[in-house]
Each structure stands twice: as C-alpha cells, then as structure tokens.
Amino acid sequence: MKWLLRGALVPVLIIGLYLLAATIGGVIPGPVADIVDAPANRRIGLVTSPIHTDVLLPLDDATRAAFGFATRAGVPLDLAQAEWVAVGWGGRAFYTTTGTYLDLSAATVLKSVFGDAAVLRVDAIPAIPPDHPAVRYLDVSQPQIDALIGIILSDLSDAAALDTPGFNATDAFFPAKGRFQIWRTCNAWLGEALRAAGIPAGIWTPVNWSLP
C-alpha cells in the first residue's frame, strides 16, 4: 500500500516542480533584443484563458497588409469594426480538435507533452472594454510592434489556412514552424516572441501567469 501511495505521489511531485520552475522562470528576466529606441505610445494586449495566451496587435493599414494572408483566408481583418488581430501559437492536435477542455483525449494530451506540429491561430477582434478581466495591456513602441509582427510571420510555414474549423466564424489556423511540447508551450513561445521584439519577459514562460 505504501508503494502504491508513493507511486501516486510521483506525478504530483513532478507537476509541482514543473509549475514551480515555470513561476521562477517568469520572474527571472530573459535576454531582450535591442530594438530602436522610440516612445512607448502604442499598446498590445495579452488575452488569457486558463492555460493559453493570445497576443492582440492593434489593426492599422500596415498590420492589415502584413496579415493579408489571413484576410484572404477569410479572417475579416478588413472590416471597420475589427480593431485587433489576435494571434496564438500552439499544438495542432490540441488547438484544432479541442472545442472545450472536456473534449481532451489521452492521445491529444500525450502529443502536447511529447511533441506536436505547431499552428498559428489568427482572429479578428472588435473593440474590447478597457476593464475586460481576461485582457491586460502592455505599453510598447511602434518598432517593437513591427518587430513582433515580423517574428510572428517568420514562424508561419504556409500562408494557406488549414482545412479545419476554427473556434468561431472569424478565425483560421495556419501551419507554423517549430513543435509544441511541454517545455515549449504556447505561452513559452509568446514569451520568446516578446523578448525578441524588445519587450521584457521572463526567461521561461510556459504558463500564462509567468508572462508579463
């Protein structure tokens, strides 16, 4: 009985250590790219769900042009009421087959842990109330936004959308570079992208609370 109890505690201990390391990784500043010095007079947003974070980029002519591939795939970034483009990176199996967390299968979980092909999700977002509880904003410069857009586009491996339903009528999935796994999650990818764009973030951010 004692051996069974000890065996049951092992995964709990592993998960606890992982979450502790993730929390510490978010506190330790990671290396930040040196981007052209400019006023932080623009904003980006971070939209959090229980385990995932999307980045919100303000829509203007330049952003719409950069994400023209998404508009051509049916993401309505050209509509007047669209104020943001939301971008998320994640594992293909989890992202494209999981409508809710109740839909998670053991195979999807295993792929997420050990490695899965990556996808980018792009969505058109209308105006958001300033006090929305799921959104926090970061003050950044235009060069940092430009760099972040470039980093996102560099991770796009194909501008043709996947033939799979999105979460709603305004989003689409696109094949992305890299592989999703427990050490490089959607949140870790976003932390890397922020630092590469000159925006401070922790050295390792695999969970959403370890992001800025």
Protein backbone atom coordinates (compact mmCIF):
# COMPACT_ATOMS: atom_id res chain seq x y z
CA MET A 1 0.00 0.00 0.00
CA LYS A 2 2.85 2.36 0.85
CA TRP A 3 4.45 1.71 -2.54
CA LEU A 4 1.18 2.49 -4.29
CA LEU A 5 0.86 5.73 -2.33
CA ARG A 6 4.43 6.73 -3.17
CA GLY A 7 3.83 5.91 -6.84
CA ALA A 8 0.73 8.11 -6.87
CA LEU A 9 2.70 10.99 -5.33
CA VAL A 10 5.40 10.93 -8.00
CA PRO A 11 3.35 12.60 -10.77
CA VAL A 12 2.02 15.14 -8.26
CA LEU A 13 5.60 15.99 -7.29
CA ILE A 14 6.69 16.27 -10.94
CA ILE A 15 3.79 18.59 -11.76
CA GLY A 16 4.51 20.67 -8.67
CA LEU A 17 8.18 21.05 -9.59
CA TYR A 18 7.24 21.98 -13.17
CA LEU A 19 4.86 24.70 -12.00
CA LEU A 20 7.41 25.99 -9.50
CA ALA A 21 10.08 26.19 -12.21
CA ALA A 22 7.58 27.90 -14.53
CA THR A 23 6.81 30.51 -11.88
CA ILE A 24 10.50 31.17 -11.21
CA GLY A 25 11.19 31.32 -14.96
CA GLY A 26 8.66 34.11 -15.30
CA VAL A 27 10.34 36.14 -12.55
CA ILE A 28 13.90 35.86 -13.89
CA PRO A 29 14.31 38.40 -16.71
CA GLY A 30 15.22 36.83 -20.05
CA PRO A 31 17.50 38.35 -22.70
CA VAL A 32 15.71 41.14 -24.56
CA ALA A 33 16.55 42.20 -28.12
CA ASP A 34 17.86 45.72 -28.59
CA ILE A 35 15.15 47.45 -30.64
CA VAL A 36 15.31 51.03 -31.94
CA ASP A 37 14.58 53.39 -29.05
CA ALA A 38 11.18 55.04 -29.53
CA PRO A 39 8.31 56.27 -27.34
CA ALA A 40 6.09 53.57 -25.84
CA ASN A 41 2.95 55.22 -27.21
CA ARG A 42 1.24 52.07 -28.59
CA ARG A 43 -0.40 49.14 -26.83
CA ILE A 44 -0.62 45.43 -27.33
CA GLY A 45 -2.83 43.09 -25.34
CA LEU A 46 -2.43 39.66 -23.80
CA VAL A 47 -5.63 37.61 -23.70
CA THR A 48 -5.56 34.76 -21.21
CA SER A 49 -7.63 31.63 -20.84
CA PRO A 50 -6.97 29.03 -18.11
CA ILE A 51 -3.90 27.64 -19.92
CA HIS A 52 -3.35 29.71 -23.09
CA THR A 53 -2.44 33.28 -24.04
CA ASP A 54 -3.05 35.13 -27.31
CA VAL A 55 -1.39 38.41 -28.24
CA LEU A 56 -3.50 41.30 -29.53
CA LEU A 57 -1.94 43.61 -32.12
CA PRO A 58 -3.64 46.92 -32.99
CA LEU A 59 -5.03 46.95 -36.51
CA ASP A 60 -3.88 49.68 -38.88
CA ASP A 61 -3.03 49.75 -42.58
CA ALA A 62 0.42 48.23 -42.00
CA THR A 63 -0.88 45.42 -39.79
CA ARG A 64 -3.68 44.62 -42.22
CA ALA A 65 -1.15 44.43 -45.04
CA ALA A 66 1.15 42.16 -43.01
CA PHE A 67 -1.72 39.79 -42.23
CA GLY A 68 -3.20 39.95 -45.72
CA PHE A 69 -2.81 36.17 -45.99
CA ALA A 70 -5.28 35.81 -43.13
CA THR A 71 -7.81 38.16 -44.74
CA ARG A 72 -7.57 36.14 -47.95
CA ALA A 73 -8.27 33.02 -45.88
CA GLY A 74 -11.49 34.52 -44.53
CA VAL A 75 -10.36 36.26 -41.34
CA PRO A 76 -12.24 39.60 -41.58
CA LEU A 77 -9.42 41.95 -40.63
CA ASP A 78 -10.60 44.41 -43.28
CA LEU A 79 -13.92 45.10 -41.55
CA ALA A 80 -14.23 48.54 -39.99
CA GLN A 81 -15.27 47.12 -36.61
CA ALA A 82 -12.14 44.95 -36.36
CA GLU A 83 -9.71 46.77 -34.06
CA TRP A 84 -7.27 43.99 -33.17
CA VAL A 85 -5.71 40.93 -34.70
CA ALA A 86 -5.32 38.11 -32.18
CA VAL A 87 -2.52 35.62 -32.73
CA GLY A 88 -1.82 32.42 -30.83
CA TRP A 89 0.65 29.58 -31.36
CA GLY A 90 0.03 26.03 -30.21
CA GLY A 91 -0.06 22.31 -30.84
CA ARG A 92 -2.10 21.28 -33.86
CA ALA A 93 -3.92 18.38 -32.21
CA PHE A 94 -4.91 20.35 -29.11
CA TYR A 95 -5.75 23.58 -30.94
CA THR A 96 -7.75 22.14 -33.83
CA THR A 97 -9.65 19.29 -32.19
CA THR A 98 -10.45 20.60 -28.71
CA GLY A 99 -13.64 22.62 -28.58
CA THR A 100 -13.64 22.64 -24.78
CA TYR A 101 -11.36 21.11 -22.16
CA LEU A 102 -13.92 18.30 -21.81
CA ASP A 103 -13.03 17.26 -25.37
CA LEU A 104 -9.42 16.48 -24.46
CA SER A 105 -8.36 12.94 -25.33
CA ALA A 106 -5.45 11.00 -23.89
CA ALA A 107 -3.78 10.99 -27.32
CA THR A 108 -4.01 14.79 -27.54
CA VAL A 109 -2.54 15.19 -24.06
CA LEU A 110 0.35 12.87 -24.90
CA LYS A 111 1.07 14.79 -28.10
CA SER A 112 1.07 18.03 -26.16
CA VAL A 113 3.58 16.63 -23.68
CA PHE A 114 5.98 14.88 -26.04
CA GLY A 115 5.67 16.93 -29.23
CA ASP A 116 3.14 18.01 -31.82
CA ALA A 117 3.21 20.01 -35.04
CA ALA A 118 2.60 23.70 -34.42
CA VAL A 119 -0.07 26.01 -35.81
CA LEU A 120 -0.81 29.72 -35.64
CA ARG A 121 -4.36 30.87 -34.99
CA VAL A 122 -5.36 34.30 -36.31
CA ASP A 123 -8.60 36.03 -35.38
CA ALA A 124 -10.25 39.43 -35.95
CA ILE A 125 -11.31 41.12 -32.71
CA PRO A 126 -13.65 44.11 -32.31
CA ALA A 127 -13.34 46.79 -29.63
CA ILE A 128 -12.68 45.39 -26.15
CA PRO A 129 -13.88 47.03 -22.92
CA PRO A 130 -10.83 48.56 -21.18
CA ASP A 131 -11.58 46.68 -17.96
CA HIS A 132 -12.06 43.25 -19.58
CA PRO A 133 -10.82 40.74 -16.95
CA ALA A 134 -9.15 38.41 -19.46
CA VAL A 135 -7.06 41.13 -21.14
CA ARG A 136 -4.05 43.02 -19.88
CA TYR A 137 -2.17 45.62 -21.89
CA LEU A 138 1.50 46.40 -22.40
CA ASP A 139 2.74 49.83 -23.46
CA VAL A 140 5.18 49.37 -26.33
CA SER A 141 6.72 51.32 -29.19
CA GLN A 142 5.90 51.07 -32.88
CA PRO A 143 9.31 49.48 -33.64
CA GLN A 144 8.54 46.80 -31.05
CA ILE A 145 5.17 46.10 -32.69
CA ASP A 146 6.85 45.93 -36.10
CA ALA A 147 9.43 43.51 -34.72
CA LEU A 148 6.75 41.36 -33.09
CA ILE A 149 4.79 41.15 -36.33
CA GLY A 150 7.95 40.13 -38.17
CA ILE A 151 8.67 37.41 -35.61
CA ILE A 152 5.13 36.04 -35.88
CA LEU A 153 5.27 35.99 -39.67
CA SER A 154 8.67 34.29 -39.60
CA ASP A 155 7.05 31.40 -37.72
CA LEU A 156 4.39 30.96 -40.40
CA SER A 157 5.30 27.98 -42.56
CA ASP A 158 2.39 28.21 -45.02
CA ALA A 159 0.05 31.11 -45.79
CA ALA A 160 -2.73 28.69 -46.78
CA ALA A 161 -5.18 28.08 -43.94
CA LEU A 162 -5.72 24.56 -42.64
CA ASP A 163 -8.91 22.87 -43.76
CA THR A 164 -10.27 22.66 -40.24
CA PRO A 165 -12.93 24.64 -38.37
CA GLY A 166 -11.79 27.48 -36.14
CA PHE A 167 -13.17 28.39 -32.74
CA ASN A 168 -15.63 30.84 -34.30
CA ALA A 169 -16.64 32.38 -37.63
CA THR A 170 -13.77 34.89 -37.75
CA ASP A 171 -10.59 32.86 -37.17
CA ALA A 172 -8.38 30.43 -39.06
CA PHE A 173 -5.45 28.10 -38.38
CA PHE A 174 -2.19 28.17 -40.33
CA PRO A 175 0.75 25.73 -40.31
CA ALA A 176 3.61 27.07 -38.19
CA LYS A 177 7.27 26.29 -37.65
CA GLY A 178 8.54 24.51 -34.58
CA ARG A 179 6.95 21.88 -32.38
CA PHE A 180 4.74 22.26 -29.36
CA GLN A 181 5.70 20.26 -26.29
CA ILE A 182 5.73 20.61 -22.54
CA TRP A 183 8.97 22.62 -22.48
CA ARG A 184 7.93 24.94 -25.33
CA THR A 185 4.28 25.68 -24.83
CA CYS A 186 2.10 28.38 -26.38
CA ASN A 187 3.00 30.69 -23.51
CA ALA A 188 6.71 29.92 -23.79
CA TRP A 189 6.57 30.74 -27.50
CA LEU A 190 4.89 34.07 -26.73
CA GLY A 191 7.50 34.92 -24.10
CA GLU A 192 10.25 34.22 -26.64
CA ALA A 193 8.49 36.39 -29.24
CA LEU A 194 8.08 39.28 -26.81
CA ARG A 195 11.75 39.23 -25.80
CA ALA A 196 12.85 39.02 -29.44
CA ALA A 197 10.75 42.12 -30.11
CA GLY A 198 12.43 44.04 -27.30
CA ILE A 199 9.57 43.60 -24.81
CA PRO A 200 10.67 42.33 -21.37
CA ALA A 201 9.50 38.87 -20.34
CA GLY A 202 10.77 36.05 -18.16
CA ILE A 203 13.46 33.66 -19.29
CA TRP A 204 10.96 30.75 -19.46
CA THR A 205 7.20 31.35 -19.54
CA PRO A 206 5.39 28.02 -20.12
CA VAL A 207 2.27 29.02 -18.16
CA ASN A 208 0.14 32.11 -18.61
CA TRP A 209 0.90 33.58 -15.17
CA SER A 210 4.62 33.64 -15.98
CA LEU A 211 4.06 36.12 -18.84
CA PRO A 212 4.25 39.90 -18.21
